[in-house]
Amino acid sequence: MTFQEIIEEIQHLSVDERKTLMMIISDSLDEVKEHRMLEFQGIGKGLLNGVDAQDYVNTLRYEQVND
């Protein structure tokens, strides 16, 4: 079924059915995917490139205060 066909089918629903459909769609957008810790392994590799971690954090804090 194409997107356009779905839209056409929705137009045949009652007001209450469309409201229910909207709630279902809205609820599905709020779902948060849970991640396992190991999925993040290596994500920051090379991020600092020899920069001291504390200096990096201090710089971020300074930038945040001055924005």
PDB file of N, CA and C in Angstrom:
ATOM      1  N   MET A   1       0.854  -1.175   0.000  1.00  0.00           N
ATOM      2  CA  MET A   1       0.000   0.000   0.000  1.00  0.00           C
ATOM      3  C   MET A   1       0.895   1.231   0.000  1.00  0.00           C
ATOM      4  N   THR A   2       0.590   2.174  -0.859  1.00  0.00           N
ATOM      5  CA  THR A   2       1.388   3.401  -0.925  1.00  0.00           C
ATOM      6  C   THR A   2       0.929   4.393   0.136  1.00  0.00           C
ATOM      7  N   PHE A   3       1.746   5.383   0.349  1.00  0.00           N
ATOM      8  CA  PHE A   3       1.416   6.426   1.315  1.00  0.00           C
ATOM      9  C   PHE A   3       0.116   7.125   0.913  1.00  0.00           C
ATOM     10  N   GLN A   4      -0.018   7.424  -0.374  1.00  0.00           N
ATOM     11  CA  GLN A   4      -1.224   8.095  -0.863  1.00  0.00           C
ATOM     12  C   GLN A   4      -2.466   7.239  -0.617  1.00  0.00           C
ATOM     13  N   GLU A   5      -2.356   5.935  -0.799  1.00  0.00           N
ATOM     14  CA  GLU A   5      -3.480   5.035  -0.539  1.00  0.00           C
ATOM     15  C   GLU A   5      -3.864   5.040   0.940  1.00  0.00           C
ATOM     16  N   ILE A   6      -2.869   5.098   1.786  1.00  0.00           N
ATOM     17  CA  ILE A   6      -3.131   5.166   3.232  1.00  0.00           C
ATOM     18  C   ILE A   6      -3.890   6.441   3.564  1.00  0.00           C
ATOM     19  N   ILE A   7      -3.454   7.562   2.994  1.00  0.00           N
ATOM     20  CA  ILE A   7      -4.127   8.850   3.219  1.00  0.00           C
ATOM     21  C   ILE A   7      -5.590   8.764   2.777  1.00  0.00           C
ATOM     22  N   GLU A   8      -5.818   8.161   1.624  1.00  0.00           N
ATOM     23  CA  GLU A   8      -7.186   8.030   1.119  1.00  0.00           C
ATOM     24  C   GLU A   8      -8.036   7.160   2.048  1.00  0.00           C
ATOM     25  N   GLU A   9      -7.450   6.101   2.590  1.00  0.00           N
ATOM     26  CA  GLU A   9      -8.175   5.232   3.518  1.00  0.00           C
ATOM     27  C   GLU A   9      -8.497   5.962   4.815  1.00  0.00           C
ATOM     28  N   ILE A  10      -7.580   6.780   5.279  1.00  0.00           N
ATOM     29  CA  ILE A  10      -7.789   7.539   6.519  1.00  0.00           C
ATOM     30  C   ILE A  10      -8.997   8.459   6.380  1.00  0.00           C
ATOM     31  N   GLN A  11      -9.189   9.006   5.199  1.00  0.00           N
ATOM     32  CA  GLN A  11     -10.308   9.921   4.977  1.00  0.00           C
ATOM     33  C   GLN A  11     -11.659   9.235   5.141  1.00  0.00           C
ATOM     34  N   HIS A  12     -11.678   7.916   5.051  1.00  0.00           N
ATOM     35  CA  HIS A  12     -12.926   7.158   5.212  1.00  0.00           C
ATOM     36  C   HIS A  12     -13.214   6.810   6.679  1.00  0.00           C
ATOM     37  N   LEU A  13     -12.280   7.094   7.561  1.00  0.00           N
ATOM     38  CA  LEU A  13     -12.474   6.777   8.973  1.00  0.00           C
ATOM     39  C   LEU A  13     -13.380   7.808   9.631  1.00  0.00           C
ATOM     40  N   SER A  14     -14.011   7.386  10.702  1.00  0.00           N
ATOM     41  CA  SER A  14     -14.819   8.338  11.486  1.00  0.00           C
ATOM     42  C   SER A  14     -13.884   9.271  12.258  1.00  0.00           C
ATOM     43  N   VAL A  15     -14.457  10.324  12.793  1.00  0.00           N
ATOM     44  CA  VAL A  15     -13.669  11.282  13.576  1.00  0.00           C
ATOM     45  C   VAL A  15     -13.011  10.576  14.763  1.00  0.00           C
ATOM     46  N   ASP A  16     -13.765   9.748  15.458  1.00  0.00           N
ATOM     47  CA  ASP A  16     -13.209   9.034  16.618  1.00  0.00           C
ATOM     48  C   ASP A  16     -12.077   8.094  16.193  1.00  0.00           C
ATOM     49  N   GLU A  17     -12.236   7.435  15.062  1.00  0.00           N
ATOM     50  CA  GLU A  17     -11.179   6.536  14.582  1.00  0.00           C
ATOM     51  C   GLU A  17      -9.926   7.321  14.203  1.00  0.00           C
ATOM     52  N   ARG A  18     -10.101   8.491  13.595  1.00  0.00           N
ATOM     53  CA  ARG A  18      -8.941   9.319  13.246  1.00  0.00           C
ATOM     54  C   ARG A  18      -8.245   9.849  14.499  1.00  0.00           C
ATOM     55  N   LYS A  19      -9.024  10.188  15.521  1.00  0.00           N
ATOM     56  CA  LYS A  19      -8.420  10.629  16.783  1.00  0.00           C
ATOM     57  C   LYS A  19      -7.613   9.495  17.411  1.00  0.00           C
ATOM     58  N   THR A  20      -8.164   8.298  17.385  1.00  0.00           N
ATOM     59  CA  THR A  20      -7.447   7.141  17.919  1.00  0.00           C
ATOM     60  C   THR A  20      -6.170   6.898  17.130  1.00  0.00           C
ATOM     61  N   LEU A  21      -6.264   6.992  15.816  1.00  0.00           N
ATOM     62  CA  LEU A  21      -5.082   6.818  14.963  1.00  0.00           C
ATOM     63  C   LEU A  21      -4.015   7.858  15.289  1.00  0.00           C
ATOM     64  N   MET A  22      -4.435   9.095  15.497  1.00  0.00           N
ATOM     65  CA  MET A  22      -3.481  10.153  15.849  1.00  0.00           C
ATOM     66  C   MET A  22      -2.786   9.855  17.174  1.00  0.00           C
ATOM     67  N   MET A  23      -3.527   9.341  18.141  1.00  0.00           N
ATOM     68  CA  MET A  23      -2.922   9.001  19.436  1.00  0.00           C
ATOM     69  C   MET A  23      -1.921   7.857  19.272  1.00  0.00           C
ATOM     70  N   ILE A  24      -2.265   6.876  18.465  1.00  0.00           N
ATOM     71  CA  ILE A  24      -1.356   5.746  18.234  1.00  0.00           C
ATOM     72  C   ILE A  24      -0.074   6.230  17.571  1.00  0.00           C
ATOM     73  N   ILE A  25      -0.209   7.078  16.566  1.00  0.00           N
ATOM     74  CA  ILE A  25       0.971   7.605  15.876  1.00  0.00           C
ATOM     75  C   ILE A  25       1.800   8.461  16.824  1.00  0.00           C
ATOM     76  N   SER A  26       1.140   9.317  17.594  1.00  0.00           N
ATOM     77  CA  SER A  26       1.838  10.183  18.547  1.00  0.00           C
ATOM     78  C   SER A  26       2.608   9.355  19.582  1.00  0.00           C
ATOM     79  N   ASP A  27       1.955   8.328  20.107  1.00  0.00           N
ATOM     80  CA  ASP A  27       2.613   7.470  21.094  1.00  0.00           C
ATOM     81  C   ASP A  27       3.816   6.750  20.497  1.00  0.00           C
ATOM     82  N   SER A  28       3.725   6.385  19.239  1.00  0.00           N
ATOM     83  CA  SER A  28       4.837   5.664  18.615  1.00  0.00           C
ATOM     84  C   SER A  28       6.050   6.572  18.425  1.00  0.00           C
ATOM     85  N   LEU A  29       5.829   7.881  18.338  1.00  0.00           N
ATOM     86  CA  LEU A  29       6.937   8.819  18.178  1.00  0.00           C
ATOM     87  C   LEU A  29       7.676   9.058  19.486  1.00  0.00           C
ATOM     88  N   ASP A  30       7.008   8.790  20.604  1.00  0.00           N
ATOM     89  CA  ASP A  30       7.597   9.018  21.919  1.00  0.00           C
ATOM     90  C   ASP A  30       8.456   7.856  22.400  1.00  0.00           C
ATOM     91  N   GLU A  31       8.432   6.738  21.687  1.00  0.00           N
ATOM     92  CA  GLU A  31       9.189   5.575  22.132  1.00  0.00           C
ATOM     93  C   GLU A  31      10.684   5.858  22.052  1.00  0.00           C
ATOM     94  N   VAL A  32      11.385   5.492  23.090  1.00  0.00           N
ATOM     95  CA  VAL A  32      12.828   5.686  23.149  1.00  0.00           C
ATOM     96  C   VAL A  32      13.496   4.325  23.011  1.00  0.00           C
ATOM     97  N   LYS A  33      14.393   4.238  22.060  1.00  0.00           N
ATOM     98  CA  LYS A  33      15.114   2.993  21.882  1.00  0.00           C
ATOM     99  C   LYS A  33      16.200   2.902  22.948  1.00  0.00           C
ATOM    100  N   GLU A  34      16.225   1.782  23.634  1.00  0.00           N
ATOM    101  CA  GLU A  34      17.254   1.574  24.641  1.00  0.00           C
ATOM    102  C   GLU A  34      18.489   0.993  23.961  1.00  0.00           C
ATOM    103  N   HIS A  35      19.637   1.462  24.401  1.00  0.00           N
ATOM    104  CA  HIS A  35      20.905   0.999  23.847  1.00  0.00           C
ATOM    105  C   HIS A  35      21.683   0.236  24.901  1.00  0.00           C
ATOM    106  N   ARG A  36      22.441  -0.721  24.433  1.00  0.00           N
ATOM    107  CA  ARG A  36      23.350  -1.419  25.339  1.00  0.00           C
ATOM    108  C   ARG A  36      24.640  -0.604  25.415  1.00  0.00           C
ATOM    109  N   MET A  37      25.289  -0.636  26.558  1.00  0.00           N
ATOM    110  CA  MET A  37      26.508   0.132  26.771  1.00  0.00           C
ATOM    111  C   MET A  37      27.576  -0.193  25.725  1.00  0.00           C
ATOM    112  N   LEU A  38      27.659  -1.446  25.335  1.00  0.00           N
ATOM    113  CA  LEU A  38      28.705  -1.840  24.398  1.00  0.00           C
ATOM    114  C   LEU A  38      28.513  -1.230  23.002  1.00  0.00           C
ATOM    115  N   GLU A  39      27.327  -0.748  22.702  1.00  0.00           N
ATOM    116  CA  GLU A  39      27.096  -0.099  21.406  1.00  0.00           C
ATOM    117  C   GLU A  39      27.907   1.190  21.274  1.00  0.00           C
ATOM    118  N   PHE A  40      28.289   1.772  22.396  1.00  0.00           N
ATOM    119  CA  PHE A  40      29.008   3.035  22.379  1.00  0.00           C
ATOM    120  C   PHE A  40      30.528   2.854  22.398  1.00  0.00           C
ATOM    121  N   GLN A  41      30.965   1.619  22.455  1.00  0.00           N
ATOM    122  CA  GLN A  41      32.399   1.339  22.508  1.00  0.00           C
ATOM    123  C   GLN A  41      33.094   1.921  21.281  1.00  0.00           C
ATOM    124  N   GLY A  42      34.109   2.743  21.524  1.00  0.00           N
ATOM    125  CA  GLY A  42      34.912   3.317  20.455  1.00  0.00           C
ATOM    126  C   GLY A  42      34.306   4.542  19.791  1.00  0.00           C
ATOM    127  N   ILE A  43      33.164   5.014  20.250  1.00  0.00           N
ATOM    128  CA  ILE A  43      32.487   6.128  19.593  1.00  0.00           C
ATOM    129  C   ILE A  43      33.290   7.435  19.676  1.00  0.00           C
ATOM    130  N   GLY A  44      34.062   7.606  20.726  1.00  0.00           N
ATOM    131  CA  GLY A  44      34.837   8.836  20.881  1.00  0.00           C
ATOM    132  C   GLY A  44      36.307   8.670  20.540  1.00  0.00           C
ATOM    133  N   LYS A  45      36.630   7.548  19.923  1.00  0.00           N
ATOM    134  CA  LYS A  45      38.028   7.260  19.605  1.00  0.00           C
ATOM    135  C   LYS A  45      38.611   8.387  18.753  1.00  0.00           C
ATOM    136  N   GLY A  46      39.723   8.932  19.201  1.00  0.00           N
ATOM    137  CA  GLY A  46      40.390   9.996  18.465  1.00  0.00           C
ATOM    138  C   GLY A  46      39.764  11.367  18.650  1.00  0.00           C
ATOM    139  N   LEU A  47      38.752  11.467  19.495  1.00  0.00           N
ATOM    140  CA  LEU A  47      38.054  12.740  19.686  1.00  0.00           C
ATOM    141  C   LEU A  47      38.981  13.813  20.252  1.00  0.00           C
ATOM    142  N   LEU A  48      39.773  13.451  21.226  1.00  0.00           N
ATOM    143  CA  LEU A  48      40.614  14.447  21.895  1.00  0.00           C
ATOM    144  C   LEU A  48      41.959  14.656  21.207  1.00  0.00           C
ATOM    145  N   ASN A  49      42.435  13.679  20.467  1.00  0.00           N
ATOM    146  CA  ASN A  49      43.706  13.795  19.741  1.00  0.00           C
ATOM    147  C   ASN A  49      44.827  14.379  20.598  1.00  0.00           C
ATOM    148  N   GLY A  50      45.035  13.784  21.759  1.00  0.00           N
ATOM    149  CA  GLY A  50      46.133  14.205  22.627  1.00  0.00           C
ATOM    150  C   GLY A  50      45.800  15.340  23.574  1.00  0.00           C
ATOM    151  N   VAL A  51      44.612  15.909  23.505  1.00  0.00           N
ATOM    152  CA  VAL A  51      44.201  16.994  24.401  1.00  0.00           C
ATOM    153  C   VAL A  51      43.843  16.387  25.755  1.00  0.00           C
ATOM    154  N   ASP A  52      44.274  17.040  26.815  1.00  0.00           N
ATOM    155  CA  ASP A  52      43.954  16.588  28.157  1.00  0.00           C
ATOM    156  C   ASP A  52      42.438  16.636  28.356  1.00  0.00           C
ATOM    157  N   ALA A  53      41.870  15.573  28.876  1.00  0.00           N
ATOM    158  CA  ALA A  53      40.422  15.468  29.034  1.00  0.00           C
ATOM    159  C   ALA A  53      39.863  16.585  29.912  1.00  0.00           C
ATOM    160  N   GLN A  54      40.543  16.906  31.006  1.00  0.00           N
ATOM    161  CA  GLN A  54      40.053  17.959  31.897  1.00  0.00           C
ATOM    162  C   GLN A  54      40.100  19.320  31.209  1.00  0.00           C
ATOM    163  N   ASP A  55      41.140  19.590  30.430  1.00  0.00           N
ATOM    164  CA  ASP A  55      41.214  20.839  29.676  1.00  0.00           C
ATOM    165  C   ASP A  55      40.059  20.934  28.676  1.00  0.00           C
ATOM    166  N   TYR A  56      39.745  19.817  28.055  1.00  0.00           N
ATOM    167  CA  TYR A  56      38.648  19.773  27.094  1.00  0.00           C
ATOM    168  C   TYR A  56      37.314  20.100  27.775  1.00  0.00           C
ATOM    169  N   VAL A  57      37.067  19.491  28.929  1.00  0.00           N
ATOM    170  CA  VAL A  57      35.832  19.751  29.676  1.00  0.00           C
ATOM    171  C   VAL A  57      35.780  21.203  30.123  1.00  0.00           C
ATOM    172  N   ASN A  58      36.883  21.722  30.619  1.00  0.00           N
ATOM    173  CA  ASN A  58      36.922  23.124  31.047  1.00  0.00           C
ATOM    174  C   ASN A  58      36.598  24.071  29.886  1.00  0.00           C
ATOM    175  N   THR A  59      37.115  23.766  28.699  1.00  0.00           N
ATOM    176  CA  THR A  59      36.843  24.582  27.517  1.00  0.00           C
ATOM    177  C   THR A  59      35.357  24.548  27.181  1.00  0.00           C
ATOM    178  N   LEU A  60      34.764  23.371  27.235  1.00  0.00           N
ATOM    179  CA  LEU A  60      33.327  23.253  26.961  1.00  0.00           C
ATOM    180  C   LEU A  60      32.511  24.059  27.957  1.00  0.00           C
ATOM    181  N   ARG A  61      32.881  23.991  29.224  1.00  0.00           N
ATOM    182  CA  ARG A  61      32.159  24.751  30.248  1.00  0.00           C
ATOM    183  C   ARG A  61      32.284  26.243  30.017  1.00  0.00           C
ATOM    184  N   TYR A  62      33.491  26.682  29.679  1.00  0.00           N
ATOM    185  CA  TYR A  62      33.736  28.109  29.431  1.00  0.00           C
ATOM    186  C   TYR A  62      32.899  28.581  28.243  1.00  0.00           C
ATOM    187  N   GLU A  63      32.856  27.770  27.172  1.00  0.00           N
ATOM    188  CA  GLU A  63      32.082  28.140  25.992  1.00  0.00           C
ATOM    189  C   GLU A  63      30.594  28.215  26.306  1.00  0.00           C
ATOM    190  N   GLN A  64      30.124  27.302  27.143  1.00  0.00           N
ATOM    191  CA  GLN A  64      28.699  27.259  27.498  1.00  0.00           C
ATOM    192  C   GLN A  64      28.308  28.504  28.300  1.00  0.00           C
ATOM    193  N   VAL A  65      29.171  28.929  29.197  1.00  0.00           N
ATOM    194  CA  VAL A  65      28.889  30.105  30.042  1.00  0.00           C
ATOM    195  C   VAL A  65      28.885  31.367  29.189  1.00  0.00           C
ATOM    196  N   ASN A  66      29.713  31.440  28.184  1.00  0.00           N
ATOM    197  CA  ASN A  66      29.865  32.655  27.381  1.00  0.00           C
ATOM    198  C   ASN A  66      28.965  32.678  26.147  1.00  0.00           C
ATOM    199  N   ASP A  67      28.087  31.711  25.981  1.00  0.00           N
ATOM    200  CA  ASP A  67      27.157  31.726  24.836  1.00  0.00           C
ATOM    201  C   ASP A  67      25.952  32.558  25.101  1.00  0.00           C
TER     202      ASP A  67
END
